[in-house]
C-alpha atoms as a PDB file:
ATOM      1  CA  MET A   1      10.028   6.439  23.527  1.00  0.00           C
ATOM      2  CA  LYS A   2       7.921   3.765  25.232  1.00  0.00           C
ATOM      3  CA  MET A   3       7.691   1.755  22.002  1.00  0.00           C
ATOM      4  CA  GLU A   4      11.476   1.739  21.655  1.00  0.00           C
ATOM      5  CA  VAL A   5      11.755   0.161  25.121  1.00  0.00           C
ATOM      6  CA  LYS A   6       9.197  -2.498  24.132  1.00  0.00           C
ATOM      7  CA  VAL A   7      11.093  -3.315  20.944  1.00  0.00           C
ATOM      8  CA  GLU A   8      14.401  -3.459  22.812  1.00  0.00           C
ATOM      9  CA  LYS A   9      12.932  -5.934  25.318  1.00  0.00           C
ATOM     10  CA  ILE A  10      11.538  -8.103  22.523  1.00  0.00           C
ATOM     11  CA  LEU A  11      14.886  -8.103  20.735  1.00  0.00           C
ATOM     12  CA  GLU A  12      16.677  -9.050  23.946  1.00  0.00           C
ATOM     13  CA  GLN A  13      14.299 -11.965  24.430  1.00  0.00           C
ATOM     14  CA  ILE A  14      14.811 -13.108  20.847  1.00  0.00           C
ATOM     15  CA  TRP A  15      18.576 -13.175  21.364  1.00  0.00           C
ATOM     16  CA  GLU A  16      18.048 -15.392  24.396  1.00  0.00           C
ATOM     17  CA  LEU A  17      16.292 -18.094  22.354  1.00  0.00           C
ATOM     18  CA  ASP A  18      18.320 -21.233  21.664  1.00  0.00           C
ATOM     19  CA  SER A  19      16.030 -23.119  19.315  1.00  0.00           C
ATOM     20  CA  ALA A  20      15.684 -22.647  15.570  1.00  0.00           C
ATOM     21  CA  ASP A  21      12.070 -23.828  15.894  1.00  0.00           C
ATOM     22  CA  GLU A  22      11.294 -21.013  18.323  1.00  0.00           C
ATOM     23  CA  LEU A  23      12.843 -18.477  15.960  1.00  0.00           C
ATOM     24  CA  ARG A  24      10.854 -19.888  13.012  1.00  0.00           C
ATOM     25  CA  THR A  25       7.655 -19.596  15.030  1.00  0.00           C
ATOM     26  CA  ILE A  26       8.407 -15.952  15.816  1.00  0.00           C
ATOM     27  CA  ASN A  27       9.299 -15.301  12.180  1.00  0.00           C
ATOM     28  CA  GLU A  28       5.998 -16.812  11.001  1.00  0.00           C
ATOM     29  CA  ALA A  29       4.077 -14.646  13.460  1.00  0.00           C
ATOM     30  CA  VAL A  30       5.889 -11.492  12.301  1.00  0.00           C
ATOM     31  CA  VAL A  31       5.282 -12.318   8.617  1.00  0.00           C
ATOM     32  CA  GLU A  32       1.565 -12.934   9.287  1.00  0.00           C
ATOM     33  CA  ARG A  33       1.276  -9.656  11.187  1.00  0.00           C
ATOM     34  CA  LEU A  34       2.972  -7.750   8.349  1.00  0.00           C
ATOM     35  CA  LYS A  35       0.590  -9.315   5.815  1.00  0.00           C
ATOM     36  CA  MET A  36      -2.375  -8.325   7.949  1.00  0.00           C
ATOM     37  CA  LEU A  37      -1.157  -4.723   8.266  1.00  0.00           C
ATOM     38  CA  ARG A  38      -0.502  -4.539   4.511  1.00  0.00           C
ATOM     39  CA  ASN A  39      -4.010  -5.863   3.765  1.00  0.00           C
ATOM     40  CA  ILE A  40      -5.557  -3.320   6.106  1.00  0.00           C
ATOM     41  CA  GLY A  41      -3.618  -0.516   4.392  1.00  0.00           C
ATOM     42  CA  ASN A  42      -4.623  -1.754   0.934  1.00  0.00           C
ATOM     43  CA  SER A  43      -8.277  -2.011   1.970  1.00  0.00           C
ATOM     44  CA  LEU A  44      -8.262   1.531   3.350  1.00  0.00           C
ATOM     45  CA  ALA A  45      -6.636   2.904   0.197  1.00  0.00           C
ATOM     46  CA  LYS A  46      -9.046   0.968  -2.031  1.00  0.00           C
ATOM     47  CA  SER A  47     -12.102   2.187  -0.129  1.00  0.00           C
ATOM     48  CA  GLN A  48     -11.171   5.826  -0.756  1.00  0.00           C
ATOM     49  CA  PHE A  49     -11.819   5.584  -4.492  1.00  0.00           C
ATOM     50  CA  ARG A  50     -14.954   4.650  -6.399  1.00  0.00           C
ATOM     51  CA  VAL A  51     -15.479   3.941 -10.080  1.00  0.00           C
ATOM     52  CA  GLY A  52     -15.855   7.337 -11.764  1.00  0.00           C
ATOM     53  CA  ALA A  53     -13.592   9.139  -9.278  1.00  0.00           C
ATOM     54  CA  LYS A  54     -11.198  11.699 -10.719  1.00  0.00           C
ATOM     55  CA  VAL A  55      -7.650  10.898  -9.611  1.00  0.00           C
ATOM     56  CA  VAL A  56      -4.017  11.883 -10.122  1.00  0.00           C
ATOM     57  CA  TRP A  57      -0.838   9.841  -9.675  1.00  0.00           C
ATOM     58  CA  ASP A  58       2.862  10.416 -10.158  1.00  0.00           C
ATOM     59  CA  SER A  59       4.491   8.172 -12.756  1.00  0.00           C
ATOM     60  CA  ASN A  60       7.857   9.942 -12.765  1.00  0.00           C
ATOM     61  CA  ARG A  61       9.661   6.647 -12.237  1.00  0.00           C
ATOM     62  CA  ARG A  62       8.445   5.654 -15.690  1.00  0.00           C
ATOM     63  CA  GLY A  63       9.219   9.062 -17.124  1.00  0.00           C
ATOM     64  CA  TYR A  64       5.617  10.192 -17.663  1.00  0.00           C
ATOM     65  CA  GLY A  65       5.269  12.689 -14.814  1.00  0.00           C
ATOM     66  CA  VAL A  66       2.027  13.436 -13.010  1.00  0.00           C
ATOM     67  CA  GLN A  67      -0.962  11.854 -14.738  1.00  0.00           C
ATOM     68  CA  SER A  68      -4.676  12.371 -14.212  1.00  0.00           C
ATOM     69  CA  GLY A  69      -7.711  10.368 -15.156  1.00  0.00           C
ATOM     70  CA  VAL A  70     -10.871   8.598 -14.067  1.00  0.00           C
ATOM     71  CA  VAL A  71     -11.143   5.259 -12.251  1.00  0.00           C
ATOM     72  CA  ILE A  72     -12.958   2.846 -14.579  1.00  0.00           C
ATOM     73  CA  LYS A  73     -12.459  -0.385 -12.625  1.00  0.00           C
ATOM     74  CA  LYS A  74     -11.305  -1.513  -9.176  1.00  0.00           C
ATOM     75  CA  ASN A  75      -9.274  -4.700  -8.911  1.00  0.00           C
ATOM     76  CA  ARG A  76      -7.994  -6.318  -5.705  1.00  0.00           C
ATOM     77  CA  SER A  77      -4.930  -4.095  -5.266  1.00  0.00           C
ATOM     78  CA  ARG A  78      -4.974  -1.726  -8.253  1.00  0.00           C
ATOM     79  CA  ALA A  79      -7.342   0.555 -10.101  1.00  0.00           C
ATOM     80  CA  VAL A  80      -7.707   0.725 -13.858  1.00  0.00           C
ATOM     81  CA  VAL A  81      -7.601   4.433 -14.698  1.00  0.00           C
ATOM     82  CA  ARG A  82      -8.318   6.033 -18.081  1.00  0.00           C
ATOM     83  CA  SER A  83      -6.079   9.056 -18.552  1.00  0.00           C
ATOM     84  CA  GLU A  84      -7.105  12.240 -20.334  1.00  0.00           C
ATOM     85  CA  SER A  85      -5.407  10.946 -23.486  1.00  0.00           C
ATOM     86  CA  GLY A  86      -7.498   7.756 -23.384  1.00  0.00           C
ATOM     87  CA  VAL A  87      -4.685   5.441 -22.268  1.00  0.00           C
ATOM     88  CA  GLU A  88      -5.645   2.917 -19.589  1.00  0.00           C
ATOM     89  CA  TRP A  89      -3.235   2.581 -16.677  1.00  0.00           C
ATOM     90  CA  THR A  90      -3.203  -0.002 -13.895  1.00  0.00           C
ATOM     91  CA  VAL A  91      -2.234   1.956 -10.792  1.00  0.00           C
ATOM     92  CA  PRO A  92      -1.797   0.736  -7.183  1.00  0.00           C
ATOM     93  CA  PHE A  93      -4.363   2.361  -4.897  1.00  0.00           C
ATOM     94  CA  ASN A  94      -1.643   3.721  -2.611  1.00  0.00           C
ATOM     95  CA  MET A  95      -0.287   5.825  -5.511  1.00  0.00           C
ATOM     96  CA  LEU A  96      -3.629   7.503  -6.261  1.00  0.00           C
ATOM     97  CA  ARG A  97      -4.773  10.864  -4.916  1.00  0.00           C
ATOM     98  CA  GLU A  98      -8.079  12.615  -5.346  1.00  0.00           C
ATOM     99  CA  ALA A  99      -7.885  15.110  -8.206  1.00  0.00           C
ATOM    100  CA  GLU A 100      -8.788  18.744  -7.985  1.00  0.00           C
ATOM    101  CA  ASP A 101     -11.840  19.334 -10.220  1.00  0.00           C
ATOM    102  CA  GLU A 102      -9.925  21.487 -12.696  1.00  0.00           C
ATOM    103  CA  ALA A 103      -7.046  18.966 -12.970  1.00  0.00           C
ATOM    104  CA  VAL A 104      -9.065  16.307 -14.825  1.00  0.00           C
END
């Protein structure tokens, strides 16, 4: 509830601004903050998995269903995972989950 009041006050103050330059400055600050939060989230997700980790991910959007495999490489924002069938997938870290031992 307290956060909603803070956001409401910020929005009120934004509406009181008369200058496009002031609005651009605020926009730049918001964009930078969002990038920072996204980078923190990506770093946390990336740190949860090591090369050799058994993982699962849901690729239903591509019509393949739940897949499982082993992380063979870590890139900046995605892992290269070799599935049980030997196919290599490039999967965003935030889509990966630790596999149960019997699943892989």
